[in-house]
PDB file of N, CA and C in Angstrom:
ATOM      1  N   MET A   1       0.764  -1.380  -0.089  1.00  0.00           N
ATOM      2  CA  MET A   1      -0.076  -0.273   0.134  1.00  0.00           C
ATOM      3  C   MET A   1       0.744   1.195   0.229  1.00  0.00           C
ATOM      4  N   LEU A   2       0.615   2.424  -0.797  1.00  0.00           N
ATOM      5  CA  LEU A   2       1.165   3.718  -0.883  1.00  0.00           C
ATOM      6  C   LEU A   2       1.029   4.110   0.372  1.00  0.00           C
ATOM      7  N   PRO A   3       2.146   5.138   1.016  1.00  0.00           N
ATOM      8  CA  PRO A   3       1.947   6.109   1.855  1.00  0.00           C
ATOM      9  C   PRO A   3       0.409   7.189   1.953  1.00  0.00           C
ATOM     10  N   LYS A   4       0.168   7.372   2.643  1.00  0.00           N
ATOM     11  CA  LYS A   4      -1.181   8.109   2.557  1.00  0.00           C
ATOM     12  C   LYS A   4      -0.707   9.410   1.933  1.00  0.00           C
ATOM     13  N   LYS A   5       0.417   9.942   2.091  1.00  0.00           N
ATOM     14  CA  LYS A   5       0.997  11.250   1.532  1.00  0.00           C
ATOM     15  C   LYS A   5       1.125  10.874  -0.028  1.00  0.00           C
ATOM     16  N   ASN A   6       1.194   9.939  -0.429  1.00  0.00           N
ATOM     17  CA  ASN A   6       1.392   9.872  -1.854  1.00  0.00           C
ATOM     18  C   ASN A   6      -0.165   9.324  -2.770  1.00  0.00           C
ATOM     19  N   ARG A   7      -1.145   9.120  -1.672  1.00  0.00           N
ATOM     20  CA  ARG A   7      -2.176   9.079  -2.304  1.00  0.00           C
ATOM     21  C   ARG A   7      -3.045  10.307  -2.812  1.00  0.00           C
ATOM     22  N   ALA A   8      -3.789  10.419  -3.763  1.00  0.00           N
ATOM     23  CA  ALA A   8      -4.530  11.640  -3.977  1.00  0.00           C
ATOM     24  C   ALA A   8      -5.681  12.007  -2.988  1.00  0.00           C
ATOM     25  N   SER A   9      -6.072  13.131  -2.888  1.00  0.00           N
ATOM     26  CA  SER A   9      -7.090  13.166  -1.637  1.00  0.00           C
ATOM     27  C   SER A   9      -8.336  13.268  -2.850  1.00  0.00           C
ATOM     28  N   THR A  10      -9.539  13.541  -1.621  1.00  0.00           N
ATOM     29  CA  THR A  10     -11.084  13.590  -2.563  1.00  0.00           C
ATOM     30  C   THR A  10     -11.025  14.519  -3.240  1.00  0.00           C
ATOM     31  N   LYS A  11     -10.460  16.167  -3.059  1.00  0.00           N
ATOM     32  CA  LYS A  11     -10.571  17.293  -3.514  1.00  0.00           C
ATOM     33  C   LYS A  11      -9.753  17.028  -4.730  1.00  0.00           C
ATOM     34  N   GLU A  12      -8.313  16.501  -4.812  1.00  0.00           N
ATOM     35  CA  GLU A  12      -7.541  16.239  -5.957  1.00  0.00           C
ATOM     36  C   GLU A  12      -8.285  15.362  -7.016  1.00  0.00           C
ATOM     37  N   VAL A  13      -8.921  14.513  -6.599  1.00  0.00           N
ATOM     38  CA  VAL A  13      -9.737  13.594  -7.417  1.00  0.00           C
ATOM     39  C   VAL A  13     -11.018  14.080  -7.987  1.00  0.00           C
ATOM     40  N   GLU A  14     -11.695  15.118  -7.478  1.00  0.00           N
ATOM     41  CA  GLU A  14     -12.160  15.887  -8.118  1.00  0.00           C
ATOM     42  C   GLU A  14     -11.872  16.788  -9.273  1.00  0.00           C
ATOM     43  N   LYS A  15     -10.445  17.330  -8.820  1.00  0.00           N
ATOM     44  CA  LYS A  15      -9.863  18.067  -9.820  1.00  0.00           C
ATOM     45  C   LYS A  15      -9.401  17.408 -11.021  1.00  0.00           C
ATOM     46  N   ILE A  16      -9.083  16.188 -10.713  1.00  0.00           N
ATOM     47  CA  ILE A  16      -8.621  15.585 -11.646  1.00  0.00           C
ATOM     48  C   ILE A  16      -9.517  15.145 -12.950  1.00  0.00           C
ATOM     49  N   PHE A  17     -10.942  14.763 -12.658  1.00  0.00           N
ATOM     50  CA  PHE A  17     -12.213  14.468 -13.517  1.00  0.00           C
ATOM     51  C   PHE A  17     -12.453  15.583 -14.051  1.00  0.00           C
ATOM     52  N   LYS A  18     -12.313  16.898 -13.276  1.00  0.00           N
ATOM     53  CA  LYS A  18     -12.812  18.251 -14.053  1.00  0.00           C
ATOM     54  C   LYS A  18     -11.887  18.556 -15.149  1.00  0.00           C
ATOM     55  N   GLU A  19     -10.456  18.510 -14.862  1.00  0.00           N
ATOM     56  CA  GLU A  19      -9.264  19.209 -15.819  1.00  0.00           C
ATOM     57  C   GLU A  19      -8.295  18.261 -16.391  1.00  0.00           C
ATOM     58  N   GLY A  20      -8.223  17.020 -15.984  1.00  0.00           N
ATOM     59  CA  GLY A  20      -7.327  15.839 -16.053  1.00  0.00           C
ATOM     60  C   GLY A  20      -7.382  15.259 -17.641  1.00  0.00           C
ATOM     61  N   ASN A  21      -6.290  14.908 -17.967  1.00  0.00           N
ATOM     62  CA  ASN A  21      -6.366  13.818 -19.265  1.00  0.00           C
ATOM     63  C   ASN A  21      -6.427  12.676 -19.079  1.00  0.00           C
ATOM     64  N   PHE A  22      -6.432  11.690 -20.232  1.00  0.00           N
ATOM     65  CA  PHE A  22      -6.876  10.189 -19.676  1.00  0.00           C
ATOM     66  C   PHE A  22      -5.926   9.409 -20.744  1.00  0.00           C
ATOM     67  N   LEU A  23      -5.936   8.464 -20.225  1.00  0.00           N
ATOM     68  CA  LEU A  23      -5.037   7.169 -20.892  1.00  0.00           C
ATOM     69  C   LEU A  23      -5.726   5.904 -20.820  1.00  0.00           C
ATOM     70  N   ASN A  24      -6.115   4.836 -21.792  1.00  0.00           N
ATOM     71  CA  ASN A  24      -6.847   3.997 -21.685  1.00  0.00           C
ATOM     72  C   ASN A  24      -5.941   2.590 -21.886  1.00  0.00           C
ATOM     73  N   SER A  25      -6.218   1.446 -21.081  1.00  0.00           N
ATOM     74  CA  SER A  25      -5.549   0.065 -21.247  1.00  0.00           C
ATOM     75  C   SER A  25      -6.923  -0.612 -21.347  1.00  0.00           C
ATOM     76  N   PRO A  26      -6.699  -1.771 -21.634  1.00  0.00           N
ATOM     77  CA  PRO A  26      -7.609  -2.711 -21.506  1.00  0.00           C
ATOM     78  C   PRO A  26      -8.887  -2.746 -20.174  1.00  0.00           C
ATOM     79  N   ASN A  27      -7.681  -3.225 -18.938  1.00  0.00           N
ATOM     80  CA  ASN A  27      -8.197  -3.290 -17.817  1.00  0.00           C
ATOM     81  C   ASN A  27      -8.610  -1.846 -16.828  1.00  0.00           C
ATOM     82  N   LEU A  28      -7.490  -0.788 -17.319  1.00  0.00           N
ATOM     83  CA  LEU A  28      -7.598   0.309 -16.313  1.00  0.00           C
ATOM     84  C   LEU A  28      -7.758   1.685 -17.377  1.00  0.00           C
ATOM     85  N   THR A  29      -8.217   2.433 -16.527  1.00  0.00           N
ATOM     86  CA  THR A  29      -8.150   3.761 -17.207  1.00  0.00           C
ATOM     87  C   THR A  29      -7.421   4.725 -16.072  1.00  0.00           C
ATOM     88  N   PHE A  30      -6.448   5.903 -16.789  1.00  0.00           N
ATOM     89  CA  PHE A  30      -5.567   6.702 -16.333  1.00  0.00           C
ATOM     90  C   PHE A  30      -6.091   8.094 -16.173  1.00  0.00           C
ATOM     91  N   LYS A  31      -6.339   8.745 -14.932  1.00  0.00           N
ATOM     92  CA  LYS A  31      -6.763  10.199 -15.201  1.00  0.00           C
ATOM     93  C   LYS A  31      -5.754  10.791 -14.288  1.00  0.00           C
ATOM     94  N   TYR A  32      -5.147  11.959 -15.043  1.00  0.00           N
ATOM     95  CA  TYR A  32      -4.114  12.517 -14.620  1.00  0.00           C
ATOM     96  C   TYR A  32      -3.882  13.934 -14.723  1.00  0.00           C
ATOM     97  N   PHE A  33      -3.210  14.716 -14.306  1.00  0.00           N
ATOM     98  CA  PHE A  33      -2.660  16.091 -14.719  1.00  0.00           C
ATOM     99  C   PHE A  33      -1.437  16.414 -13.967  1.00  0.00           C
ATOM    100  N   LYS A  34      -0.598  16.995 -14.184  1.00  0.00           N
ATOM    101  CA  LYS A  34       0.852  17.450 -13.991  1.00  0.00           C
ATOM    102  C   LYS A  34       0.530  18.701 -13.111  1.00  0.00           C
ATOM    103  N   ASN A  35       1.431  18.432 -12.278  1.00  0.00           N
ATOM    104  CA  ASN A  35       2.002  19.515 -11.234  1.00  0.00           C
ATOM    105  C   ASN A  35       3.243  20.075 -11.357  1.00  0.00           C
ATOM    106  N   ASN A  36       3.534  21.124 -10.821  1.00  0.00           N
ATOM    107  CA  ASN A  36       4.838  21.664 -10.498  1.00  0.00           C
ATOM    108  C   ASN A  36       5.977  20.964  -9.539  1.00  0.00           C
ATOM    109  N   SER A  37       5.355  20.461  -8.630  1.00  0.00           N
ATOM    110  CA  SER A  37       6.044  19.744  -7.599  1.00  0.00           C
ATOM    111  C   SER A  37       6.562  18.535  -7.982  1.00  0.00           C
ATOM    112  N   LYS A  38       7.375  17.825  -7.416  1.00  0.00           N
ATOM    113  CA  LYS A  38       8.074  16.640  -7.615  1.00  0.00           C
ATOM    114  C   LYS A  38       7.635  15.526  -6.857  1.00  0.00           C
ATOM    115  N   LYS A  39       6.479  15.582  -6.697  1.00  0.00           N
ATOM    116  CA  LYS A  39       5.541  14.536  -5.907  1.00  0.00           C
ATOM    117  C   LYS A  39       4.586  13.844  -6.318  1.00  0.00           C
ATOM    118  N   ILE A  40       4.376  12.518  -6.087  1.00  0.00           N
ATOM    119  CA  ILE A  40       3.595  11.766  -7.201  1.00  0.00           C
ATOM    120  C   ILE A  40       2.559  11.512  -5.970  1.00  0.00           C
ATOM    121  N   LYS A  41       1.142  11.640  -6.440  1.00  0.00           N
ATOM    122  CA  LYS A  41      -0.046  11.370  -5.632  1.00  0.00           C
ATOM    123  C   LYS A  41      -0.822  10.489  -6.878  1.00  0.00           C
ATOM    124  N   ILE A  42      -1.071   9.097  -6.766  1.00  0.00           N
ATOM    125  CA  ILE A  42      -1.871   8.174  -7.390  1.00  0.00           C
ATOM    126  C   ILE A  42      -2.937   7.419  -6.438  1.00  0.00           C
ATOM    127  N   SER A  43      -3.830   7.018  -7.062  1.00  0.00           N
ATOM    128  CA  SER A  43      -4.858   6.536  -6.004  1.00  0.00           C
ATOM    129  C   SER A  43      -5.636   5.626  -6.923  1.00  0.00           C
ATOM    130  N   PHE A  44      -6.655   4.470  -6.480  1.00  0.00           N
ATOM    131  CA  PHE A  44      -7.046   3.577  -7.447  1.00  0.00           C
ATOM    132  C   PHE A  44      -8.774   3.741  -7.000  1.00  0.00           C
ATOM    133  N   ILE A  45      -9.672   3.414  -7.923  1.00  0.00           N
ATOM    134  CA  ILE A  45     -10.902   3.379  -7.774  1.00  0.00           C
ATOM    135  C   ILE A  45     -11.462   2.148  -8.336  1.00  0.00           C
ATOM    136  N   ALA A  46     -12.419   1.607  -7.451  1.00  0.00           N
ATOM    137  CA  ALA A  46     -12.963   0.327  -8.467  1.00  0.00           C
ATOM    138  C   ALA A  46     -14.588   0.551  -8.137  1.00  0.00           C
ATOM    139  N   PRO A  47     -15.034   0.742  -9.137  1.00  0.00           N
ATOM    140  CA  PRO A  47     -16.576   1.202  -9.064  1.00  0.00           C
ATOM    141  C   PRO A  47     -17.619   0.215  -8.727  1.00  0.00           C
ATOM    142  N   LYS A  48     -18.610   0.572  -8.307  1.00  0.00           N
ATOM    143  CA  LYS A  48     -19.622  -0.372  -7.959  1.00  0.00           C
ATOM    144  C   LYS A  48     -19.685  -1.666  -9.296  1.00  0.00           C
ATOM    145  N   SER A  49     -20.000  -0.742 -10.234  1.00  0.00           N
ATOM    146  CA  SER A  49     -20.584  -1.511 -11.477  1.00  0.00           C
ATOM    147  C   SER A  49     -19.235  -2.677 -11.789  1.00  0.00           C
ATOM    148  N   ILE A  50     -17.925  -2.702 -11.354  1.00  0.00           N
ATOM    149  CA  ILE A  50     -17.370  -3.833 -11.473  1.00  0.00           C
ATOM    150  C   ILE A  50     -17.155  -4.640 -10.593  1.00  0.00           C
ATOM    151  N   ALA A  51     -17.712  -4.292  -9.358  1.00  0.00           N
ATOM    152  CA  ALA A  51     -17.696  -5.667  -8.159  1.00  0.00           C
ATOM    153  C   ALA A  51     -18.674  -5.118  -7.069  1.00  0.00           C
ATOM    154  N   LYS A  52     -19.327  -5.868  -6.951  1.00  0.00           N
ATOM    155  CA  LYS A  52     -20.625  -5.284  -6.101  1.00  0.00           C
ATOM    156  C   LYS A  52     -20.330  -5.599  -4.716  1.00  0.00           C
ATOM    157  N   LEU A  53     -19.784  -6.113  -4.271  1.00  0.00           N
ATOM    158  CA  LEU A  53     -19.205  -6.290  -2.874  1.00  0.00           C
ATOM    159  C   LEU A  53     -18.084  -5.586  -2.610  1.00  0.00           C
ATOM    160  N   ALA A  54     -18.157  -4.836  -1.369  1.00  0.00           N
ATOM    161  CA  ALA A  54     -16.821  -4.104  -0.974  1.00  0.00           C
ATOM    162  C   ALA A  54     -15.735  -4.734  -0.910  1.00  0.00           C
ATOM    163  N   VAL A  55     -16.025  -5.881  -0.390  1.00  0.00           N
ATOM    164  CA  VAL A  55     -14.488  -6.960  -0.102  1.00  0.00           C
ATOM    165  C   VAL A  55     -13.789  -6.942  -1.242  1.00  0.00           C
ATOM    166  N   LYS A  56     -14.731  -7.101  -2.514  1.00  0.00           N
ATOM    167  CA  LYS A  56     -14.011  -7.415  -3.766  1.00  0.00           C
ATOM    168  C   LYS A  56     -13.390  -6.007  -4.400  1.00  0.00           C
ATOM    169  N   ARG A  57     -14.225  -5.059  -4.188  1.00  0.00           N
ATOM    170  CA  ARG A  57     -13.815  -3.559  -4.804  1.00  0.00           C
ATOM    171  C   ARG A  57     -12.450  -3.348  -3.943  1.00  0.00           C
ATOM    172  N   ASN A  58     -12.350  -3.713  -2.518  1.00  0.00           N
ATOM    173  CA  ASN A  58     -11.008  -3.380  -1.691  1.00  0.00           C
ATOM    174  C   ASN A  58     -10.184  -4.265  -2.112  1.00  0.00           C
ATOM    175  N   LEU A  59     -10.300  -5.931  -2.654  1.00  0.00           N
ATOM    176  CA  LEU A  59      -9.124  -6.519  -2.928  1.00  0.00           C
ATOM    177  C   LEU A  59      -8.696  -5.755  -4.009  1.00  0.00           C
ATOM    178  N   LEU A  60      -9.349  -5.218  -5.396  1.00  0.00           N
ATOM    179  CA  LEU A  60      -9.043  -4.966  -6.517  1.00  0.00           C
ATOM    180  C   LEU A  60      -8.077  -3.533  -6.114  1.00  0.00           C
ATOM    181  N   ARG A  61      -8.722  -2.638  -5.344  1.00  0.00           N
ATOM    182  CA  ARG A  61      -7.456  -1.466  -5.132  1.00  0.00           C
ATOM    183  C   ARG A  61      -6.350  -1.963  -4.484  1.00  0.00           C
ATOM    184  N   ARG A  62      -6.245  -2.915  -3.620  1.00  0.00           N
ATOM    185  CA  ARG A  62      -4.970  -3.454  -3.108  1.00  0.00           C
ATOM    186  C   ARG A  62      -4.014  -4.165  -3.409  1.00  0.00           C
ATOM    187  N   ARG A  63      -4.586  -4.590  -4.887  1.00  0.00           N
ATOM    188  CA  ARG A  63      -3.623  -5.523  -5.789  1.00  0.00           C
ATOM    189  C   ARG A  63      -3.309  -4.260  -6.590  1.00  0.00           C
ATOM    190  N   GLY A  64      -4.287  -3.113  -7.013  1.00  0.00           N
ATOM    191  CA  GLY A  64      -3.394  -2.146  -7.683  1.00  0.00           C
ATOM    192  C   GLY A  64      -2.243  -1.621  -7.102  1.00  0.00           C
ATOM    193  N   TYR A  65      -2.580  -1.233  -5.907  1.00  0.00           N
ATOM    194  CA  TYR A  65      -1.638  -0.605  -5.250  1.00  0.00           C
ATOM    195  C   TYR A  65      -0.255  -1.404  -5.122  1.00  0.00           C
ATOM    196  N   ALA A  66      -0.398  -2.984  -5.267  1.00  0.00           N
ATOM    197  CA  ALA A  66       0.790  -3.621  -4.765  1.00  0.00           C
ATOM    198  C   ALA A  66       1.624  -3.498  -6.280  1.00  0.00           C
ATOM    199  N   ALA A  67       0.456  -3.656  -7.460  1.00  0.00           N
ATOM    200  CA  ALA A  67       1.254  -3.662  -8.665  1.00  0.00           C
ATOM    201  C   ALA A  67       2.140  -2.043  -8.811  1.00  0.00           C
ATOM    202  N   LEU A  68       1.130  -1.152  -8.401  1.00  0.00           N
ATOM    203  CA  LEU A  68       1.834   0.317  -8.653  1.00  0.00           C
ATOM    204  C   LEU A  68       3.178   0.213  -7.855  1.00  0.00           C
ATOM    205  N   LEU A  69       3.325  -0.165  -6.610  1.00  0.00           N
ATOM    206  CA  LEU A  69       4.370  -0.134  -5.913  1.00  0.00           C
ATOM    207  C   LEU A  69       6.182  -0.727  -6.455  1.00  0.00           C
ATOM    208  N   LYS A  70       5.732  -1.624  -7.483  1.00  0.00           N
ATOM    209  CA  LYS A  70       6.823  -1.983  -8.356  1.00  0.00           C
ATOM    210  C   LYS A  70       7.229  -1.423  -9.142  1.00  0.00           C
ATOM    211  N   ASN A  71       6.431  -0.134  -9.567  1.00  0.00           N
ATOM    212  CA  ASN A  71       6.346   0.400 -10.715  1.00  0.00           C
ATOM    213  C   ASN A  71       6.754   1.741 -10.741  1.00  0.00           C
ATOM    214  N   THR A  72       6.741   2.265  -9.159  1.00  0.00           N
ATOM    215  CA  THR A  72       7.029   3.478  -8.776  1.00  0.00           C
ATOM    216  C   THR A  72       8.196   4.512  -9.545  1.00  0.00           C
ATOM    217  N   LYS A  73       9.048   3.562  -9.668  1.00  0.00           N
ATOM    218  CA  LYS A  73      10.538   3.975 -10.200  1.00  0.00           C
ATOM    219  C   LYS A  73      10.176   4.735 -11.662  1.00  0.00           C
ATOM    220  N   LEU A  74       9.446   4.067 -12.235  1.00  0.00           N
ATOM    221  CA  LEU A  74       8.873   4.254 -13.584  1.00  0.00           C
ATOM    222  C   LEU A  74       8.133   5.365 -14.005  1.00  0.00           C
ATOM    223  N   SER A  75       7.067   5.648 -12.644  1.00  0.00           N
ATOM    224  CA  SER A  75       6.430   7.007 -12.792  1.00  0.00           C
ATOM    225  C   SER A  75       7.055   8.645 -12.986  1.00  0.00           C
ATOM    226  N   PRO A  76       6.297   9.191 -13.734  1.00  0.00           N
ATOM    227  CA  PRO A  76       7.050  10.789 -14.194  1.00  0.00           C
ATOM    228  C   PRO A  76       6.586  11.399 -12.718  1.00  0.00           C
ATOM    229  N   LEU A  77       7.425  12.009 -12.682  1.00  0.00           N
ATOM    230  CA  LEU A  77       7.320  13.149 -11.390  1.00  0.00           C
ATOM    231  C   LEU A  77       6.631  14.185 -11.865  1.00  0.00           C
ATOM    232  N   GLY A  78       5.905  14.592 -10.747  1.00  0.00           N
ATOM    233  CA  GLY A  78       4.821  15.771 -10.634  1.00  0.00           C
ATOM    234  C   GLY A  78       3.439  15.261 -11.410  1.00  0.00           C
ATOM    235  N   ILE A  79       3.088  14.166 -10.862  1.00  0.00           N
ATOM    236  CA  ILE A  79       1.820  13.742 -11.296  1.00  0.00           C
ATOM    237  C   ILE A  79       1.052  13.178 -10.386  1.00  0.00           C
ATOM    238  N   THR A  80      -0.533  14.170 -10.227  1.00  0.00           N
ATOM    239  CA  THR A  80      -1.530  13.557  -9.675  1.00  0.00           C
ATOM    240  C   THR A  80      -2.359  12.608 -10.444  1.00  0.00           C
ATOM    241  N   GLY A  81      -2.724  11.320 -10.030  1.00  0.00           N
ATOM    242  CA  GLY A  81      -3.848  10.673 -11.155  1.00  0.00           C
ATOM    243  C   GLY A  81      -4.436   9.946 -10.463  1.00  0.00           C
ATOM    244  N   VAL A  82      -5.442   9.096 -11.124  1.00  0.00           N
ATOM    245  CA  VAL A  82      -6.348   8.014 -10.642  1.00  0.00           C
ATOM    246  C   VAL A  82      -6.280   7.087 -11.543  1.00  0.00           C
ATOM    247  N   PHE A  83      -6.025   5.290 -11.062  1.00  0.00           N
ATOM    248  CA  PHE A  83      -6.516   4.612 -11.986  1.00  0.00           C
ATOM    249  C   PHE A  83      -7.894   3.933 -11.597  1.00  0.00           C
ATOM    250  N   ILE A  84      -8.611   3.993 -12.826  1.00  0.00           N
ATOM    251  CA  ILE A  84      -9.949   3.322 -12.643  1.00  0.00           C
ATOM    252  C   ILE A  84     -10.113   1.939 -13.028  1.00  0.00           C
ATOM    253  N   PHE A  85     -10.567   0.985 -12.483  1.00  0.00           N
ATOM    254  CA  PHE A  85     -10.948  -0.266 -12.993  1.00  0.00           C
ATOM    255  C   PHE A  85     -11.907  -0.301 -14.150  1.00  0.00           C
ATOM    256  N   LYS A  86     -11.585  -0.620 -15.270  1.00  0.00           N
ATOM    257  CA  LYS A  86     -12.853  -1.111 -16.281  1.00  0.00           C
ATOM    258  C   LYS A  86     -13.696  -2.410 -15.949  1.00  0.00           C
ATOM    259  N   LYS A  87     -12.612  -3.506 -15.902  1.00  0.00           N
ATOM    260  CA  LYS A  87     -13.003  -5.153 -15.573  1.00  0.00           C
ATOM    261  C   LYS A  87     -12.551  -5.437 -14.515  1.00  0.00           C
ATOM    262  N   TYR A  88     -13.230  -6.443 -13.977  1.00  0.00           N
ATOM    263  CA  TYR A  88     -12.706  -7.400 -12.663  1.00  0.00           C
ATOM    264  C   TYR A  88     -11.203  -7.727 -12.947  1.00  0.00           C
ATOM    265  N   GLN A  89     -10.307  -7.533 -12.960  1.00  0.00           N
ATOM    266  CA  GLN A  89      -8.935  -8.074 -12.948  1.00  0.00           C
ATOM    267  C   GLN A  89      -7.852  -8.200 -11.625  1.00  0.00           C
ATOM    268  N   ASP A  90      -7.934  -9.244 -10.980  1.00  0.00           N
ATOM    269  CA  ASP A  90      -7.097  -9.226  -9.862  1.00  0.00           C
ATOM    270  C   ASP A  90      -5.875 -10.009 -10.119  1.00  0.00           C
ATOM    271  N   ASP A  91      -5.262 -10.122 -11.196  1.00  0.00           N
ATOM    272  CA  ASP A  91      -3.990 -10.820 -11.414  1.00  0.00           C
ATOM    273  C   ASP A  91      -2.974  -9.816 -11.449  1.00  0.00           C
ATOM    274  N   ILE A  92      -2.024  -9.390 -10.382  1.00  0.00           N
ATOM    275  CA  ILE A  92      -0.854  -8.680 -10.324  1.00  0.00           C
ATOM    276  C   ILE A  92      -0.166  -8.475 -11.601  1.00  0.00           C
ATOM    277  N   SER A  93       0.457  -9.370 -12.364  1.00  0.00           N
ATOM    278  CA  SER A  93       1.071  -9.632 -13.145  1.00  0.00           C
ATOM    279  C   SER A  93       0.679  -8.574 -14.348  1.00  0.00           C
ATOM    280  N   ILE A  94      -0.637  -8.774 -14.691  1.00  0.00           N
ATOM    281  CA  ILE A  94      -1.232  -8.291 -15.896  1.00  0.00           C
ATOM    282  C   ILE A  94      -1.614  -6.481 -15.698  1.00  0.00           C
ATOM    283  N   LEU A  95      -1.888  -6.223 -14.361  1.00  0.00           N
ATOM    284  CA  LEU A  95      -1.964  -4.739 -13.785  1.00  0.00           C
ATOM    285  C   LEU A  95      -0.527  -4.104 -14.096  1.00  0.00           C
ATOM    286  N   GLU A  96       0.550  -4.838 -13.692  1.00  0.00           N
ATOM    287  CA  GLU A  96       1.952  -4.323 -13.652  1.00  0.00           C
ATOM    288  C   GLU A  96       2.472  -4.091 -15.044  1.00  0.00           C
ATOM    289  N   ASN A  97       1.878  -4.769 -16.212  1.00  0.00           N
ATOM    290  CA  ASN A  97       1.948  -4.294 -17.584  1.00  0.00           C
ATOM    291  C   ASN A  97       1.321  -3.322 -17.952  1.00  0.00           C
ATOM    292  N   GLU A  98       0.185  -3.348 -17.485  1.00  0.00           N
ATOM    293  CA  GLU A  98      -0.754  -1.893 -17.782  1.00  0.00           C
ATOM    294  C   GLU A  98       0.038  -1.024 -17.392  1.00  0.00           C
ATOM    295  N   ILE A  99       0.049  -0.681 -16.172  1.00  0.00           N
ATOM    296  CA  ILE A  99       0.699   0.441 -15.366  1.00  0.00           C
ATOM    297  C   ILE A  99       1.808   0.952 -16.074  1.00  0.00           C
ATOM    298  N   LYS A 100       2.979  -0.238 -16.378  1.00  0.00           N
ATOM    299  CA  LYS A 100       4.237   0.235 -16.878  1.00  0.00           C
ATOM    300  C   LYS A 100       3.995   0.970 -18.449  1.00  0.00           C
ATOM    301  N   ASN A 101       2.997   0.323 -19.226  1.00  0.00           N
ATOM    302  CA  ASN A 101       2.610   1.041 -20.456  1.00  0.00           C
ATOM    303  C   ASN A 101       1.998   2.377 -20.623  1.00  0.00           C
ATOM    304  N   ILE A 102       1.111   2.449 -19.343  1.00  0.00           N
ATOM    305  CA  ILE A 102       0.547   3.834 -19.113  1.00  0.00           C
ATOM    306  C   ILE A 102       1.683   4.776 -19.191  1.00  0.00           C
ATOM    307  N   PHE A 103       2.607   4.333 -17.848  1.00  0.00           N
ATOM    308  CA  PHE A 103       3.808   5.378 -17.629  1.00  0.00           C
ATOM    309  C   PHE A 103       4.496   5.780 -18.795  1.00  0.00           C
ATOM    310  N   SER A 104       4.984   4.622 -19.599  1.00  0.00           N
ATOM    311  CA  SER A 104       5.815   5.009 -20.782  1.00  0.00           C
ATOM    312  C   SER A 104       4.905   5.945 -21.899  1.00  0.00           C
ATOM    313  N   LYS A 105       3.937   6.166 -21.966  1.00  0.00           N
ATOM    314  CA  LYS A 105       3.133   6.814 -22.818  1.00  0.00           C
ATOM    315  C   LYS A 105       3.131   8.421 -22.341  1.00  0.00           C
ATOM    316  N   ILE A 106       3.111   8.252 -21.187  1.00  0.00           N
ATOM    317  CA  ILE A 106       3.471   9.723 -20.028  1.00  0.00           C
ATOM    318  C   ILE A 106       4.444  10.408 -20.337  1.00  0.00           C
ATOM    319  N   ASN A 107       5.761   9.698 -20.213  1.00  0.00           N
ATOM    320  CA  ASN A 107       6.838  10.265 -20.527  1.00  0.00           C
ATOM    321  C   ASN A 107       7.355  10.375 -22.096  1.00  0.00           C
TER     322      ASN A 107
END
């Protein structure tokens, strides 16, 4: 799990949805905007339409954070963003590959 200081707050998420750019992959959508700061703030959202049970949504979020931890060195500095699940995918290796591809498109 990412430290709280590296996760986007509710206000930042609202700003991302209003002003941000987005990139798509088969299982994830990444909405983001660039900051002048050198901090990275990224969160995961698992909508209720993907998994009805809160336990399953929390599992998806935890798997997403685990995949993100392995790719934090690849992420560009000064980004605030949100990964949104499009499909139920709890395989960490697939999520890692998609996160790598998305970060490579940003750089």
